[in-house]
Amino acid sequence: MLEPVVVGALLLLGAWVALDGTSFAQVMVSRPLVSGTLAGWILGDAGLGLLVGGLLEAAHLGAVPAGGARIAEPGPAAIPAVVAAISLGGAVGVAAGVAQGALWSVLGGASMVWQRRLNGVVLGPLEELGGSERSLSRRHLACVALDALRGTLLVATGIVVAVMLPASLEQSWGFDGRSTPGILALPGAFAGGALLRRWSTVFRGTRRGAALFAGGLFAGWLLTSAMG
């Protein structure tokens, strides 16, 4: 059973992750690798959070919320996914967590479309603003608040489902803890292959780009080690 303070922290994290996607900051907290690790840290198992978040990250490497793109949203989804993984434990926990994370990613993407439409209603026609900067700012902040609320609701409903997953699921998953991550990483291999194919385009074939990439991986490893 999750403590209220832990649930509150996870809900706040969900709001932050949703905002980070497009509304505010964009410091990559919205990536499932980061949000999953943070959720695991809050729950006392940053390593498992890193594993679940990493598997979701691999499957959504090309998911960039740019412009009006309609994509899945794995960032908030990684939070209840980690809750499911820790609640069930073992290989079945990882499998169930990733499965729920994939489903909640789709729901999150759909909720972004609904929210964008609602944003248009909140902002209204430009004529109604009457050139008032204050009125525009209020409506803009209202849209930002809606994004935070959306992330909170996504995580809240996901946590409810995660803690209700039956322990009997263990009998339906026939793979052990060693093979489970590899099996679940297969979908991400396709996205990873596409990214590696464009390696020269992403880094422009320079040593500097490769060094920055390696440095980012090393910094992430250091941060994860410190949190663990």
Protein backbone atom coordinates (compact mmCIF):
# COMPACT_ATOMS: atom_id res chain seq x y z
CA MET A 1 0.00 0.00 0.00
CA LEU A 2 1.42 3.35 -1.03
CA GLU A 3 1.77 6.05 1.58
CA PRO A 4 -0.21 9.27 0.91
CA VAL A 5 2.98 11.33 0.80
CA VAL A 6 4.42 8.97 -1.83
CA VAL A 7 1.25 9.18 -3.92
CA GLY A 8 1.34 12.96 -3.62
CA ALA A 9 4.95 13.05 -4.79
CA LEU A 10 4.13 10.84 -7.77
CA LEU A 11 1.17 13.04 -8.72
CA LEU A 12 3.34 16.15 -8.54
CA LEU A 13 5.91 14.40 -10.68
CA GLY A 14 3.16 13.57 -13.17
CA ALA A 15 2.17 17.23 -13.40
CA TRP A 16 5.80 18.28 -13.86
CA VAL A 17 6.43 15.66 -16.54
CA ALA A 18 3.32 16.68 -18.49
CA LEU A 19 4.32 20.35 -18.34
CA ASP A 20 7.86 19.56 -19.41
CA GLY A 21 6.64 18.01 -22.65
CA THR A 22 5.73 21.28 -24.35
CA SER A 23 4.25 23.80 -21.89
CA PHE A 24 7.18 24.67 -19.64
CA ALA A 25 10.93 24.17 -19.33
CA GLN A 26 11.47 21.18 -21.65
CA VAL A 27 14.45 19.92 -19.66
CA MET A 28 13.86 16.30 -20.75
CA VAL A 29 12.09 15.26 -17.54
CA SER A 30 9.25 14.24 -19.86
CA ARG A 31 11.35 11.43 -21.31
CA PRO A 32 10.34 8.07 -19.78
CA LEU A 33 13.95 7.22 -18.96
CA VAL A 34 14.05 10.22 -16.63
CA SER A 35 10.49 10.13 -15.29
CA GLY A 36 10.68 6.39 -14.70
CA THR A 37 13.95 6.72 -12.78
CA LEU A 38 12.55 9.56 -10.67
CA ALA A 39 9.41 7.53 -9.94
CA GLY A 40 11.55 4.57 -8.91
CA TRP A 41 13.62 6.82 -6.66
CA ILE A 42 10.47 8.11 -4.95
CA LEU A 43 9.31 4.52 -4.47
CA GLY A 44 12.71 3.38 -3.18
CA ASP A 45 13.96 1.47 -6.24
CA ALA A 46 15.60 3.81 -8.74
CA GLY A 47 17.21 0.87 -10.53
CA LEU A 48 13.90 -0.76 -11.39
CA GLY A 49 12.55 2.64 -12.40
CA LEU A 50 15.52 3.06 -14.72
CA LEU A 51 14.88 -0.36 -16.26
CA VAL A 52 11.17 0.21 -16.91
CA GLY A 53 11.71 3.78 -18.05
CA GLY A 54 14.57 2.69 -20.28
CA LEU A 55 12.44 0.05 -21.98
CA LEU A 56 9.70 2.60 -22.64
CA GLU A 57 12.31 5.09 -23.82
CA ALA A 58 13.70 2.61 -26.31
CA ALA A 59 10.25 2.02 -27.75
CA HIS A 60 9.58 5.77 -28.13
CA LEU A 61 12.92 7.12 -29.33
CA GLY A 62 11.26 8.94 -32.20
CA ALA A 63 8.44 10.41 -30.13
CA VAL A 64 9.12 14.15 -30.13
CA PRO A 65 6.18 16.45 -29.28
CA ALA A 66 6.98 19.03 -31.95
CA GLY A 67 4.32 21.24 -33.47
CA GLY A 68 0.96 19.57 -33.88
CA ALA A 69 2.33 16.04 -34.06
CA ARG A 70 0.05 13.30 -32.74
CA ILE A 71 2.23 10.85 -30.87
CA ALA A 72 2.14 8.68 -27.79
CA GLU A 73 3.21 10.32 -24.53
CA PRO A 74 5.41 7.91 -22.58
CA GLY A 75 6.69 10.40 -19.97
CA PRO A 76 3.75 10.44 -17.53
CA ALA A 77 2.96 6.82 -18.44
CA ALA A 78 6.31 5.67 -17.07
CA ILE A 79 5.29 6.68 -13.55
CA PRO A 80 2.38 4.23 -13.06
CA ALA A 81 4.39 1.69 -15.05
CA VAL A 82 7.07 1.77 -12.36
CA VAL A 83 4.39 1.53 -9.67
CA ALA A 84 3.08 -1.64 -11.34
CA ALA A 85 6.57 -3.09 -11.66
CA ILE A 86 7.38 -2.51 -8.00
CA SER A 87 3.96 -3.63 -6.76
CA LEU A 88 4.10 -7.00 -8.52
CA GLY A 89 7.86 -7.45 -8.34
CA GLY A 90 10.07 -9.78 -10.33
CA ALA A 91 9.95 -10.43 -14.05
CA VAL A 92 6.16 -10.28 -14.21
CA GLY A 93 6.28 -6.85 -12.59
CA VAL A 94 8.59 -5.52 -15.29
CA ALA A 95 6.42 -7.05 -18.02
CA ALA A 96 3.18 -5.71 -16.54
CA GLY A 97 4.73 -2.30 -15.95
CA VAL A 98 5.96 -1.95 -19.52
CA ALA A 99 2.61 -3.18 -20.86
CA GLN A 100 0.70 -0.65 -18.79
CA GLY A 101 3.19 2.04 -19.73
CA ALA A 102 2.64 1.34 -23.42
CA LEU A 103 -1.14 1.55 -23.00
CA TRP A 104 -0.98 4.72 -20.90
CA SER A 105 1.36 6.27 -23.47
CA VAL A 106 -1.37 5.94 -26.08
CA LEU A 107 -3.95 7.37 -23.68
CA GLY A 108 -1.60 10.23 -22.91
CA GLY A 109 -1.18 11.01 -26.60
CA ALA A 110 -4.96 11.06 -27.06
CA SER A 111 -5.36 13.32 -24.04
CA MET A 112 -2.90 15.80 -25.57
CA VAL A 113 -5.13 16.08 -28.65
CA TRP A 114 -8.20 16.66 -26.47
CA GLN A 115 -6.36 19.26 -24.44
CA ARG A 116 -5.22 21.16 -27.51
CA ARG A 117 -8.82 21.43 -28.61
CA LEU A 118 -9.80 22.59 -25.15
CA ASN A 119 -7.00 25.16 -25.24
CA GLY A 120 -8.61 26.65 -28.32
CA VAL A 121 -11.88 26.99 -26.43
CA VAL A 122 -10.16 28.58 -23.43
CA LEU A 123 -8.27 31.09 -25.55
CA GLY A 124 -11.29 31.90 -27.68
CA PRO A 125 -11.31 34.26 -30.66
CA LEU A 126 -8.61 36.92 -30.72
CA GLU A 127 -11.31 39.57 -30.95
CA GLU A 128 -12.44 38.74 -27.41
CA LEU A 129 -9.03 39.62 -26.01
CA GLY A 130 -9.38 43.22 -27.09
CA GLY A 131 -5.63 43.64 -27.22
CA SER A 132 -5.34 42.99 -23.47
CA GLU A 133 -2.03 41.37 -22.54
CA ARG A 134 -3.36 40.55 -19.07
CA SER A 135 -6.33 38.67 -20.48
CA LEU A 136 -4.07 36.74 -22.83
CA SER A 137 -1.69 35.87 -19.97
CA ARG A 138 -4.56 34.61 -17.79
CA ARG A 139 -5.86 32.36 -20.54
CA HIS A 140 -2.38 31.13 -21.33
CA LEU A 141 -1.78 30.23 -17.68
CA ALA A 142 -5.15 28.47 -17.63
CA CYS A 143 -4.02 26.29 -20.53
CA VAL A 144 -0.76 25.52 -18.72
CA ALA A 145 -2.73 24.56 -15.61
CA LEU A 146 -4.89 22.25 -17.73
CA ASP A 147 -1.75 20.51 -18.95
CA ALA A 148 -0.59 19.96 -15.36
CA LEU A 149 -4.03 18.66 -14.41
CA ARG A 150 -3.99 16.31 -17.38
CA GLY A 151 -0.66 14.82 -16.29
CA THR A 152 -1.90 14.45 -12.72
CA LEU A 153 -5.05 12.62 -13.82
CA LEU A 154 -3.08 10.33 -16.12
CA VAL A 155 -0.77 9.32 -13.30
CA ALA A 156 -3.60 9.03 -10.76
CA THR A 157 -5.68 6.68 -12.91
CA GLY A 158 -2.56 4.73 -13.82
CA ILE A 159 -1.61 4.25 -10.17
CA VAL A 160 -5.11 2.98 -9.36
CA VAL A 161 -4.84 0.40 -12.13
CA ALA A 162 -1.26 -0.51 -11.18
CA VAL A 163 -2.03 -1.31 -7.55
CA MET A 164 -5.08 -3.35 -8.57
CA LEU A 165 -3.15 -5.68 -10.88
CA PRO A 166 -3.61 -9.23 -9.56
CA ALA A 167 -0.65 -11.17 -8.26
CA SER A 168 -1.92 -14.15 -10.28
CA LEU A 169 -0.37 -12.52 -13.36
CA GLU A 170 2.89 -14.19 -12.34
CA GLN A 171 1.57 -17.52 -13.57
CA SER A 172 0.84 -16.14 -17.03
CA TRP A 173 4.39 -14.85 -17.69
CA GLY A 174 6.69 -17.71 -18.55
CA PHE A 175 10.03 -15.89 -18.68
CA ASP A 176 12.54 -15.32 -15.92
CA GLY A 177 14.11 -12.09 -14.73
CA ARG A 178 17.13 -12.42 -17.02
CA SER A 179 15.26 -12.85 -20.30
CA THR A 180 12.36 -10.48 -19.58
CA PRO A 181 14.21 -7.17 -20.20
CA GLY A 182 15.67 -8.48 -23.45
CA ILE A 183 12.29 -9.62 -24.72
CA LEU A 184 10.61 -6.35 -23.79
CA ALA A 185 13.43 -4.39 -25.43
CA LEU A 186 12.76 -5.91 -28.86
CA PRO A 187 10.26 -3.19 -29.92
CA GLY A 188 12.81 -0.56 -28.98
CA ALA A 189 15.40 -2.24 -31.18
CA PHE A 190 13.53 -1.06 -34.26
CA ALA A 191 13.52 2.54 -33.07
CA GLY A 192 17.15 2.26 -32.03
CA GLY A 193 18.11 0.84 -35.41
CA ALA A 194 16.43 3.73 -37.18
CA LEU A 195 18.29 6.18 -34.95
CA LEU A 196 21.66 4.53 -35.56
CA ARG A 197 21.00 4.58 -39.28
CA ARG A 198 20.73 8.34 -39.08
CA TRP A 199 23.81 8.60 -36.86
CA SER A 200 25.81 10.61 -39.36
CA THR A 201 22.87 12.99 -39.81
CA VAL A 202 22.26 13.46 -36.10
CA PHE A 203 25.89 14.08 -35.22
CA ARG A 204 26.98 15.31 -38.68
CA GLY A 205 29.75 12.77 -38.67
CA THR A 206 31.83 14.75 -36.19
CA ARG A 207 33.82 13.51 -33.24
CA ARG A 208 32.42 16.35 -31.18
CA GLY A 209 28.86 15.08 -31.59
CA ALA A 210 29.85 11.54 -30.66
CA ALA A 211 31.77 12.85 -27.65
CA LEU A 212 28.75 14.85 -26.48
CA PHE A 213 26.55 11.79 -26.84
CA ALA A 214 28.97 9.62 -24.86
CA GLY A 215 29.29 12.34 -22.24
CA GLY A 216 25.53 12.46 -21.83
CA LEU A 217 25.38 8.71 -21.32
CA PHE A 218 28.17 8.89 -18.75
CA ALA A 219 26.49 11.76 -16.89
CA GLY A 220 23.23 9.82 -16.81
CA TRP A 221 25.04 6.78 -15.41
CA LEU A 222 26.66 8.88 -12.69
CA LEU A 223 23.30 10.44 -11.75
CA THR A 224 21.61 7.05 -11.60
CA SER A 225 24.43 5.63 -9.47
CA ALA A 226 24.14 8.55 -7.06
CA MET A 227 20.36 8.15 -6.78
CA GLY A 228 20.64 4.40 -6.28
